Amino acid sequence: MSVATWERMHAEDVLIAEHDQVDLLFIGDSITAGWDWQLWQTHFAPLKAANFAIGADHTGNVLWRLQHGTIGQLHPKLIVVLIGVNNLGHLQESPEQAADGITRVVQQLQLAWPNSRILLNAVFPFDEKADSPNRAKAKRLNSIISKLGNNKTIFFKDYGHVFLQKDGSIAAEVMADFLHPTPAGYKIWAEAMTPDIHKLLQ
């Protein structure tokens, strides 16, 4: 993604933050940005949802965006967060470093919207095989950020198992590159997460 495209996407989010009513806000990277349009329209659009995810973002990008316009005049009831895999992959951070970045994002969200609930997604498993070193890194990262959940304002949920086959591997039909969900993978995620979203919006 070019810098110009990233800046345009951020500017579009700032406009939404200033002028739209949003009850359900998604924040994250390309995995969160890539929702199949039909699934989005079916599951989330009726809930007054907006998607503030941008591809290739790591926690530092998200934190910057929150501090430069994407809070705006919004008062979301629920914020869905999935971020951190690019800290492990692109930045080659340790699970502890990535977890610190996620913690800072959550703290910024709480500062901006103290009355909002946060649905913090565990970082999805990635790489095809269960014994990949990256799987162990993601598992360690999730173990750390799970402690952010208090089941009052922050709700930690690990949906990663729904993408796995019995032997722990990931099928190409679910994640073609073993990182980003296919439309079938997004359907699996939507069916796992939507009941929690409805519950937390009440």
Protein backbone atom coordinates (compact mmCIF):
# COMPACT_ATOMS: atom_id res chain seq x y z
CA MET A 1 0.00 0.00 0.00
CA SER A 2 1.30 3.46 -0.92
CA VAL A 3 1.57 6.24 1.63
CA ALA A 4 -0.92 8.26 -0.41
CA THR A 5 -3.49 5.45 -0.26
CA TRP A 6 -2.97 5.04 3.50
CA GLU A 7 -3.40 8.78 4.03
CA ARG A 8 -6.56 8.82 1.92
CA MET A 9 -8.06 5.96 3.91
CA HIS A 10 -7.20 7.69 7.18
CA ALA A 11 -8.77 10.94 5.92
CA GLU A 12 -11.96 9.07 5.02
CA ASP A 13 -12.12 7.62 8.54
CA VAL A 14 -11.64 11.10 10.04
CA LEU A 15 -14.64 12.35 8.06
CA ILE A 16 -16.77 9.47 9.31
CA ALA A 17 -15.60 10.15 12.87
CA GLU A 18 -16.68 13.79 12.59
CA HIS A 19 -20.05 13.34 10.91
CA ASP A 20 -21.52 9.83 11.21
CA GLN A 21 -23.30 7.97 13.99
CA VAL A 22 -21.45 4.75 14.71
CA ASP A 23 -22.49 2.20 17.33
CA LEU A 24 -20.11 -0.58 16.28
CA LEU A 25 -16.53 0.36 15.40
CA PHE A 26 -13.95 -2.03 13.94
CA ILE A 27 -10.25 -1.19 14.35
CA GLY A 28 -7.30 -3.13 13.03
CA ASP A 29 -5.17 -4.10 10.04
CA SER A 30 -5.80 -5.81 6.69
CA ILE A 31 -7.52 -8.79 8.30
CA THR A 32 -10.17 -6.50 9.78
CA ALA A 33 -10.21 -4.30 6.67
CA GLY A 34 -10.86 -7.20 4.32
CA TRP A 35 -14.41 -8.17 5.24
CA ASP A 36 -16.41 -9.67 2.40
CA TRP A 37 -18.90 -6.96 1.39
CA GLN A 38 -21.95 -9.24 1.53
CA LEU A 39 -21.04 -10.52 5.00
CA TRP A 40 -20.49 -6.96 6.20
CA GLN A 41 -23.87 -5.86 4.86
CA THR A 42 -25.60 -8.85 6.44
CA HIS A 43 -23.98 -8.94 9.86
CA PHE A 44 -22.70 -5.46 10.69
CA ALA A 45 -24.10 -2.68 8.51
CA PRO A 46 -27.55 -2.91 10.20
CA LEU A 47 -25.79 -2.28 13.54
CA LYS A 48 -24.51 1.16 12.44
CA ALA A 49 -21.00 -0.14 11.93
CA ALA A 50 -17.86 1.51 10.60
CA ASN A 51 -14.56 -0.12 9.72
CA PHE A 52 -11.44 1.88 10.65
CA ALA A 53 -8.97 -0.85 9.69
CA ILE A 54 -6.12 -0.24 7.24
CA GLY A 55 -3.96 -2.89 5.63
CA ALA A 56 -0.39 -3.41 6.90
CA ASP A 57 -1.03 -1.43 10.09
CA HIS A 58 0.70 -2.37 13.29
CA THR A 59 -0.16 -1.09 16.74
CA GLY A 60 1.85 2.10 16.30
CA ASN A 61 -0.14 3.03 13.18
CA VAL A 62 -3.43 2.47 14.97
CA LEU A 63 -2.30 4.51 17.96
CA TRP A 64 -1.27 7.37 15.66
CA ARG A 65 -4.59 7.29 13.84
CA LEU A 66 -6.51 7.41 17.11
CA GLN A 67 -4.45 10.41 18.18
CA HIS A 68 -4.91 12.20 14.84
CA GLY A 69 -8.59 12.41 14.06
CA THR A 70 -10.31 9.04 14.13
CA ILE A 71 -11.85 9.63 17.55
CA GLY A 72 -13.71 12.67 16.29
CA GLN A 73 -17.26 13.00 17.58
CA LEU A 74 -17.91 9.27 17.77
CA HIS A 75 -19.51 7.55 20.73
CA PRO A 76 -19.41 3.85 19.80
CA LYS A 77 -21.16 1.37 22.03
CA LEU A 78 -18.76 -1.42 21.08
CA ILE A 79 -15.26 -1.41 19.57
CA VAL A 80 -13.98 -4.58 17.90
CA VAL A 81 -10.18 -4.71 17.90
CA LEU A 82 -7.87 -7.08 16.04
CA ILE A 83 -4.29 -5.87 15.74
CA GLY A 84 -0.78 -7.17 16.35
CA VAL A 85 0.07 -9.75 13.71
CA ASN A 86 2.10 -7.21 11.73
CA ASN A 87 4.09 -6.38 14.84
CA LEU A 88 5.19 -10.01 14.86
CA GLY A 89 5.60 -10.36 11.10
CA HIS A 90 6.61 -7.03 9.56
CA LEU A 91 8.35 -5.52 12.59
CA GLN A 92 9.77 -8.79 13.94
CA GLU A 93 8.80 -7.80 17.46
CA SER A 94 8.71 -10.25 20.32
CA PRO A 95 5.30 -11.30 21.67
CA GLU A 96 5.99 -9.12 24.70
CA GLN A 97 6.70 -6.06 22.55
CA ALA A 98 3.60 -6.65 20.43
CA ALA A 99 1.50 -7.11 23.56
CA ASP A 100 2.77 -3.79 24.89
CA GLY A 101 1.59 -2.13 21.66
CA ILE A 102 -1.84 -3.71 21.92
CA THR A 103 -2.07 -2.60 25.54
CA ARG A 104 -1.34 0.99 24.50
CA VAL A 105 -4.07 0.83 21.85
CA VAL A 106 -6.59 -0.46 24.38
CA GLN A 107 -5.58 2.25 26.85
CA GLN A 108 -6.07 4.91 24.18
CA LEU A 109 -9.51 3.53 23.37
CA GLN A 110 -10.47 3.59 27.04
CA LEU A 111 -9.23 7.17 27.35
CA ALA A 112 -11.21 8.27 24.31
CA TRP A 113 -14.37 6.29 25.02
CA PRO A 114 -14.59 5.36 28.71
CA ASN A 115 -18.21 4.25 28.33
CA SER A 116 -17.62 1.96 25.35
CA ARG A 117 -17.12 -1.78 25.53
CA ILE A 118 -14.13 -3.32 23.78
CA LEU A 119 -14.19 -6.74 22.13
CA LEU A 120 -10.49 -7.56 21.94
CA ASN A 121 -9.80 -10.36 19.49
CA ALA A 122 -6.86 -12.67 19.98
CA VAL A 123 -4.41 -12.56 17.10
CA PHE A 124 -5.41 -15.31 14.70
CA PRO A 125 -3.13 -18.31 14.16
CA PHE A 126 -1.10 -17.96 10.99
CA ASP A 127 1.20 -20.13 8.89
CA GLU A 128 -0.12 -23.42 7.56
CA LYS A 129 1.29 -25.91 10.06
CA ALA A 130 0.56 -26.14 13.77
CA ASP A 131 4.26 -26.44 14.65
CA SER A 132 5.25 -23.17 12.98
CA PRO A 133 7.32 -20.90 15.26
CA ASN A 134 4.89 -18.10 14.41
CA ARG A 135 2.06 -20.10 15.95
CA ALA A 136 3.98 -20.20 19.22
CA LYS A 137 4.59 -16.44 19.06
CA ALA A 138 0.91 -15.73 18.49
CA LYS A 139 -0.05 -18.06 21.33
CA ARG A 140 2.36 -16.29 23.70
CA LEU A 141 1.09 -12.87 22.59
CA ASN A 142 -2.51 -13.91 23.17
CA SER A 143 -1.68 -15.28 26.58
CA ILE A 144 -0.36 -11.86 27.58
CA ILE A 145 -3.19 -9.73 26.16
CA SER A 146 -5.85 -12.06 27.52
CA LYS A 147 -5.11 -10.46 30.89
CA LEU A 148 -6.46 -7.15 29.56
CA GLY A 149 -9.94 -8.64 29.63
CA ASN A 150 -12.01 -7.84 32.69
CA ASN A 151 -15.43 -8.96 31.39
CA LYS A 152 -16.81 -5.57 32.37
CA THR A 153 -15.53 -3.12 29.76
CA ILE A 154 -12.92 -5.23 27.95
CA PHE A 155 -13.89 -8.64 26.65
CA PHE A 156 -11.06 -10.83 25.33
CA LYS A 157 -12.13 -13.48 22.85
CA ASP A 158 -9.98 -16.04 21.06
CA TYR A 159 -11.77 -17.20 17.92
CA GLY A 160 -8.61 -18.62 16.39
CA HIS A 161 -9.59 -22.27 16.83
CA VAL A 162 -12.48 -21.90 14.37
CA PHE A 163 -9.99 -21.58 11.50
CA LEU A 164 -8.09 -24.76 12.32
CA GLN A 165 -8.46 -28.30 11.08
CA LYS A 166 -8.30 -31.28 13.44
CA ASP A 167 -4.51 -31.53 13.12
CA GLY A 168 -4.13 -27.82 13.87
CA SER A 169 -3.28 -26.84 10.31
CA ILE A 170 -5.01 -24.10 8.32
CA ALA A 171 -6.71 -25.02 5.05
CA ALA A 172 -6.15 -22.82 2.01
CA GLU A 173 -9.92 -22.63 1.59
CA VAL A 174 -10.06 -20.70 4.88
CA MET A 175 -6.87 -18.65 4.54
CA ALA A 176 -5.38 -18.81 1.05
CA ASP A 177 -2.05 -17.34 2.18
CA PHE A 178 -2.36 -18.82 5.68
CA LEU A 179 -2.74 -15.32 7.10
CA HIS A 180 -5.71 -13.50 5.54
CA PRO A 181 -9.15 -15.14 5.61
CA THR A 182 -10.87 -15.99 2.37
CA PRO A 183 -14.61 -15.20 2.05
CA ALA A 184 -15.18 -18.64 3.60
CA GLY A 185 -12.84 -17.71 6.44
CA TYR A 186 -14.63 -14.43 7.04
CA LYS A 187 -17.92 -16.31 7.17
CA ILE A 188 -16.47 -18.55 9.88
CA TRP A 189 -15.28 -15.52 11.85
CA ALA A 190 -18.60 -13.72 11.46
CA GLU A 191 -20.59 -16.71 12.67
CA ALA A 192 -18.32 -17.08 15.70
CA MET A 193 -18.17 -13.40 16.65
CA THR A 194 -21.60 -12.00 15.76
CA PRO A 195 -23.42 -13.52 18.78
CA ASP A 196 -20.89 -11.86 21.08
CA ILE A 197 -21.30 -8.55 19.27
CA HIS A 198 -25.07 -8.63 19.68
CA LYS A 199 -24.71 -9.49 23.36
CA LEU A 200 -22.20 -6.70 24.02
CA LEU A 201 -24.29 -4.11 22.17
CA GLN A 202 -27.21 -4.61 24.54
